[in-house]
N, C-alpha and C. Protein backbone atom coordinates (compact mmCIF):
# COMPACT_ATOMS: atom_id res chain seq x y z
N ALA A 1 19.34 15.48 -13.36
CA ALA A 1 19.84 13.74 -12.97
C ALA A 1 19.45 13.23 -12.02
N ARG A 2 19.09 11.70 -12.42
CA ARG A 2 18.10 10.58 -11.68
C ARG A 2 18.78 10.53 -10.28
N LEU A 3 18.21 10.52 -9.35
CA LEU A 3 18.79 10.09 -8.33
C LEU A 3 18.73 8.79 -7.90
N PRO A 4 19.51 8.03 -7.14
CA PRO A 4 19.28 6.80 -7.12
C PRO A 4 17.83 6.61 -6.06
N ALA A 5 17.57 5.33 -6.49
CA ALA A 5 16.33 5.23 -5.61
C ALA A 5 16.64 5.05 -4.25
N ASP A 6 15.56 5.46 -3.30
CA ASP A 6 15.43 5.54 -2.01
C ASP A 6 14.50 5.09 -1.29
N ALA A 7 14.54 3.98 -0.45
CA ALA A 7 13.28 3.69 0.52
C ALA A 7 12.52 4.48 1.40
N ALA A 8 13.52 5.22 1.69
CA ALA A 8 13.14 6.78 3.01
C ALA A 8 12.16 7.50 2.10
N ARG A 9 12.63 7.70 0.90
CA ARG A 9 12.14 8.71 0.11
C ARG A 9 10.95 8.03 -0.42
N GLY A 10 10.87 6.93 -0.63
CA GLY A 10 9.59 5.97 -1.05
C GLY A 10 8.75 5.62 -0.01
N LYS A 11 9.31 6.16 1.07
CA LYS A 11 8.16 5.66 2.37
C LYS A 11 7.22 6.93 2.53
N SER A 12 7.87 8.14 2.43
CA SER A 12 7.46 9.53 2.38
C SER A 12 6.62 9.74 1.42
N ALA A 13 6.84 9.33 0.19
CA ALA A 13 6.02 9.41 -0.99
C ALA A 13 4.56 8.55 -1.05
N LEU A 14 4.63 7.69 -0.23
CA LEU A 14 3.45 6.66 -0.12
C LEU A 14 2.77 7.63 0.69
N HIS A 15 3.15 8.66 1.58
CA HIS A 15 1.95 9.55 2.14
C HIS A 15 1.54 10.23 1.17
N GLN A 16 2.70 10.84 0.51
CA GLN A 16 2.53 12.08 -0.25
C GLN A 16 1.12 11.49 -1.02
N TYR A 17 1.21 10.54 -1.64
CA TYR A 17 0.03 9.80 -2.76
C TYR A 17 -0.74 9.26 -2.15
N GLY A 18 -1.05 8.95 -0.87
CA GLY A 18 -2.34 8.65 -0.19
C GLY A 18 -2.02 6.99 -0.22
N CYS A 19 -1.45 6.48 -0.38
CA CYS A 19 -1.50 5.11 -0.83
C CYS A 19 -2.20 4.08 0.26
N ALA A 20 -2.01 4.60 1.31
CA ALA A 20 -2.69 3.78 2.51
C ALA A 20 -3.97 4.06 2.65
N THR A 21 -4.75 4.94 1.97
CA THR A 21 -6.11 5.06 1.84
C THR A 21 -6.62 3.70 1.85
N CYS A 22 -6.15 3.18 0.89
CA CYS A 22 -6.69 1.88 -0.32
C CYS A 22 -5.66 0.60 0.60
N HIS A 23 -4.58 0.89 0.70
CA HIS A 23 -3.90 -0.61 1.20
C HIS A 23 -3.37 -0.58 2.55
N ARG A 24 -3.48 -1.88 3.25
CA ARG A 24 -2.60 -1.92 4.36
C ARG A 24 -1.08 -1.98 4.22
N ILE A 25 -0.17 -0.81 4.62
CA ILE A 25 1.34 -1.06 4.18
C ILE A 25 2.08 -0.93 5.81
N PRO A 26 2.92 -2.20 5.89
CA PRO A 26 3.60 -2.31 7.05
C PRO A 26 4.30 -0.59 7.25
N GLY A 27 4.35 -0.32 8.39
CA GLY A 27 5.16 1.09 8.61
C GLY A 27 4.44 2.00 8.37
N ILE A 28 2.95 1.94 7.57
CA ILE A 28 2.67 3.54 7.01
C ILE A 28 1.39 3.40 7.65
N VAL A 29 1.14 4.50 8.27
CA VAL A 29 -0.12 4.94 9.45
C VAL A 29 -1.14 5.36 8.34
N GLY A 30 -2.15 4.73 8.00
CA GLY A 30 -3.30 5.33 7.28
C GLY A 30 -4.69 4.62 7.85
N ALA A 31 -5.47 4.93 6.65
CA ALA A 31 -6.95 4.42 6.68
C ALA A 31 -7.04 2.79 6.77
N ASN A 32 -6.10 2.60 6.23
CA ASN A 32 -6.34 0.93 6.20
C ASN A 32 -7.73 0.36 5.42
N ALA A 33 -8.12 1.37 4.65
CA ALA A 33 -9.54 0.49 4.06
C ALA A 33 -9.00 -0.54 3.06
N PRO A 34 -10.01 -1.77 3.16
CA PRO A 34 -10.00 -2.80 2.56
C PRO A 34 -9.97 -3.02 0.85
N VAL A 35 -9.93 -1.40 0.31
CA VAL A 35 -10.10 -1.49 -1.16
C VAL A 35 -8.82 -2.26 -1.94
N GLY A 36 -7.65 -1.86 -1.87
CA GLY A 36 -6.68 -2.33 -2.30
C GLY A 36 -6.16 -3.96 -1.67
N PRO A 37 -5.17 -4.50 -2.19
CA PRO A 37 -4.72 -5.80 -1.25
C PRO A 37 -3.41 -5.28 -0.46
N PRO A 38 -3.70 -5.63 0.60
CA PRO A 38 -2.43 -5.60 1.41
C PRO A 38 -1.10 -5.75 1.23
N LEU A 39 -0.09 -4.88 1.15
CA LEU A 39 1.48 -4.58 0.58
C LEU A 39 2.18 -5.50 1.44
N GLU A 40 1.58 -6.12 2.64
CA GLU A 40 2.44 -6.86 2.81
C GLU A 40 3.52 -8.02 2.62
N GLY A 41 4.84 -8.28 2.57
CA GLY A 41 5.16 -9.31 1.61
C GLY A 41 5.20 -8.95 0.12
N ILE A 42 5.00 -7.79 -0.34
CA ILE A 42 5.05 -7.36 -1.91
C ILE A 42 6.37 -7.69 -2.29
N GLY A 43 7.19 -7.42 -1.83
CA GLY A 43 8.97 -7.25 -2.00
C GLY A 43 9.25 -8.78 -2.30
N ALA A 44 8.35 -10.27 -1.84
CA ALA A 44 8.74 -11.29 -2.02
C ALA A 44 7.64 -12.14 -3.26
N ARG A 45 6.48 -11.42 -3.34
CA ARG A 45 5.68 -11.90 -4.54
C ARG A 45 6.19 -12.21 -5.61
N GLY A 46 5.86 -12.81 -6.45
CA GLY A 46 6.30 -13.33 -7.94
C GLY A 46 5.77 -12.60 -8.85
N PHE A 47 4.68 -11.51 -8.63
CA PHE A 47 3.69 -11.03 -9.86
C PHE A 47 3.24 -9.72 -9.31
N ILE A 48 3.28 -8.32 -9.94
CA ILE A 48 2.11 -7.19 -9.27
C ILE A 48 0.97 -7.49 -10.39
N ALA A 49 0.20 -7.36 -9.43
CA ALA A 49 -1.30 -7.03 -9.56
C ALA A 49 -1.81 -8.64 -10.64
N GLY A 50 -0.80 -9.36 -10.19
CA GLY A 50 -1.01 -10.47 -11.17
C GLY A 50 -0.96 -10.91 -12.80
N VAL A 51 -0.25 -9.73 -13.27
CA VAL A 51 0.12 -9.62 -14.71
C VAL A 51 1.33 -9.31 -14.81
N LEU A 52 2.22 -8.93 -14.27
CA LEU A 52 3.48 -8.56 -14.15
C LEU A 52 4.70 -9.46 -13.36
N PRO A 53 5.80 -9.83 -14.19
CA PRO A 53 6.57 -10.43 -13.21
C PRO A 53 7.41 -9.22 -12.27
N ASN A 54 7.37 -9.46 -10.71
CA ASN A 54 7.83 -8.58 -9.63
C ASN A 54 9.00 -8.29 -9.82
N THR A 55 9.93 -7.35 -10.86
CA THR A 55 10.77 -6.70 -11.13
C THR A 55 11.31 -4.87 -10.67
N PRO A 56 12.28 -4.68 -10.13
CA PRO A 56 12.19 -3.08 -9.78
C PRO A 56 11.21 -2.28 -10.67
N GLU A 57 11.53 -2.67 -12.23
CA GLU A 57 11.10 -1.75 -13.39
C GLU A 57 9.73 -2.13 -13.62
N ASN A 58 9.41 -3.51 -13.58
CA ASN A 58 7.73 -3.23 -13.51
C ASN A 58 6.93 -2.82 -12.48
N MET A 59 8.00 -2.56 -11.05
CA MET A 59 7.06 -1.98 -10.11
C MET A 59 6.86 -0.70 -10.39
N VAL A 60 7.73 0.08 -10.81
CA VAL A 60 7.95 1.20 -11.49
C VAL A 60 7.06 1.63 -12.57
N ARG A 61 7.02 1.05 -13.41
CA ARG A 61 6.27 0.94 -14.44
C ARG A 61 4.56 0.65 -13.95
N TRP A 62 4.10 -0.14 -13.24
CA TRP A 62 3.13 -0.26 -12.13
C TRP A 62 2.58 0.89 -11.41
N LEU A 63 3.40 1.74 -10.80
CA LEU A 63 3.24 2.65 -9.68
C LEU A 63 2.75 3.57 -10.64
N ARG A 64 3.53 4.00 -12.06
CA ARG A 64 3.35 5.20 -12.74
C ARG A 64 2.02 5.19 -13.59
N HIS A 65 1.77 3.74 -13.77
CA HIS A 65 0.76 3.47 -15.09
C HIS A 65 -0.17 2.36 -14.95
N PRO A 66 -0.70 2.40 -13.90
CA PRO A 66 -1.30 0.85 -13.80
C PRO A 66 -2.69 0.79 -14.51
N GLN A 67 -3.24 1.60 -14.99
CA GLN A 67 -4.57 1.50 -15.81
C GLN A 67 -3.88 1.07 -17.27
N GLY A 68 -2.57 1.52 -17.71
CA GLY A 68 -2.19 1.13 -18.58
C GLY A 68 -1.43 -0.16 -18.93
N VAL A 69 -1.39 -0.67 -17.94
CA VAL A 69 -0.83 -2.12 -17.44
C VAL A 69 -1.86 -3.11 -17.36
N SER A 70 -3.03 -2.66 -16.51
CA SER A 70 -3.88 -3.40 -16.39
C SER A 70 -5.51 -2.36 -16.43
N PRO A 71 -6.08 -2.32 -17.59
CA PRO A 71 -7.22 -1.19 -17.81
C PRO A 71 -8.23 -1.86 -16.84
N ARG A 72 -8.61 -3.00 -16.27
CA ARG A 72 -9.60 -3.55 -15.16
C ARG A 72 -9.26 -3.59 -13.96
N SER A 73 -8.33 -2.82 -13.52
CA SER A 73 -7.86 -3.00 -12.05
C SER A 73 -8.17 -1.82 -11.47
N ALA A 74 -8.67 -1.61 -10.29
CA ALA A 74 -9.42 -0.39 -9.41
C ALA A 74 -8.16 0.65 -9.19
N MET A 75 -6.87 0.11 -9.45
CA MET A 75 -5.60 1.18 -8.75
C MET A 75 -5.91 2.23 -9.95
N PRO A 76 -5.99 3.46 -9.47
CA PRO A 76 -6.06 4.38 -10.06
C PRO A 76 -4.70 5.07 -10.72
N ASP A 77 -4.55 5.84 -11.83
CA ASP A 77 -3.29 6.37 -12.22
C ASP A 77 -3.30 8.03 -11.37
N LEU A 78 -2.41 7.82 -10.74
CA LEU A 78 -2.13 9.28 -9.89
C LEU A 78 -1.19 10.11 -9.90
N GLY A 79 -0.63 10.07 -11.12
CA GLY A 79 0.44 11.02 -11.80
C GLY A 79 1.91 10.42 -10.81
N VAL A 80 2.25 9.69 -10.35
CA VAL A 80 3.37 9.34 -9.69
C VAL A 80 4.39 9.67 -10.78
N SER A 81 4.99 10.36 -10.44
CA SER A 81 6.68 10.30 -10.98
C SER A 81 7.42 9.88 -10.88
N ASP A 82 8.71 9.51 -11.79
CA ASP A 82 9.42 8.71 -12.43
C ASP A 82 10.13 8.15 -11.10
N GLN A 83 11.05 9.68 -10.40
CA GLN A 83 11.76 9.56 -9.39
C GLN A 83 11.11 8.98 -7.82
N ASP A 84 9.67 9.32 -7.73
CA ASP A 84 8.83 8.71 -6.90
C ASP A 84 8.27 7.45 -6.85
N ALA A 85 8.20 7.03 -8.18
CA ALA A 85 7.90 5.33 -8.35
C ALA A 85 8.96 4.64 -8.18
N ARG A 86 10.12 5.06 -8.53
CA ARG A 86 11.69 4.50 -8.11
C ARG A 86 12.15 4.11 -6.47
N ASP A 87 11.58 5.34 -6.11
CA ASP A 87 11.82 5.24 -4.43
C ASP A 87 10.60 4.62 -3.94
N ILE A 88 9.27 4.57 -4.41
CA ILE A 88 8.28 3.72 -3.62
C ILE A 88 8.78 2.24 -3.82
N ALA A 89 8.76 2.09 -5.17
CA ALA A 89 9.46 0.58 -5.44
C ALA A 89 10.42 0.09 -4.45
N ALA A 90 11.58 1.01 -4.49
CA ALA A 90 12.37 0.51 -3.51
C ALA A 90 12.03 0.15 -1.84
N PHE A 91 11.31 1.01 -1.44
CA PHE A 91 10.75 0.77 -0.29
C PHE A 91 9.68 -0.62 -0.26
N LEU A 92 8.80 -0.93 -1.26
CA LEU A 92 8.06 -1.95 -1.39
C LEU A 92 8.56 -3.28 -1.47
N ALA A 93 10.24 -3.31 -2.17
CA ALA A 93 11.09 -4.17 -2.09
C ALA A 93 11.63 -4.75 -0.90
N GLY A 94 11.65 -3.74 -0.04
CA GLY A 94 12.21 -4.42 1.02
C GLY A 94 11.06 -5.06 2.23
N LEU A 95 9.51 -5.01 1.76
CA LEU A 95 8.97 -5.83 2.57
C LEU A 95 8.56 -6.92 1.89
N LYS A 96 9.44 -8.06 2.64
CA LYS A 96 9.56 -9.21 2.21
C LYS A 96 8.94 -10.27 3.23
């Protein structure tokens, strides 16, 4: 059974997948390397990766299969599960 998306689990999943290795993420301690864009305000942005309208469904799609969405992106496919992607999307949606 699918659990409802949960931002607290999403915050934990961001650690699990090492997202802060490449992104600055408010509330997440990490390397803060300037590889990927900072995620401050991602919940208020109009587009994800410049190609997808910023909706919860598209954020899940991006998190699970970034190379399928934008093959030239530096964002790797990390094998994010559906539940983890929904939880991470819930956390990121709150970054306004």
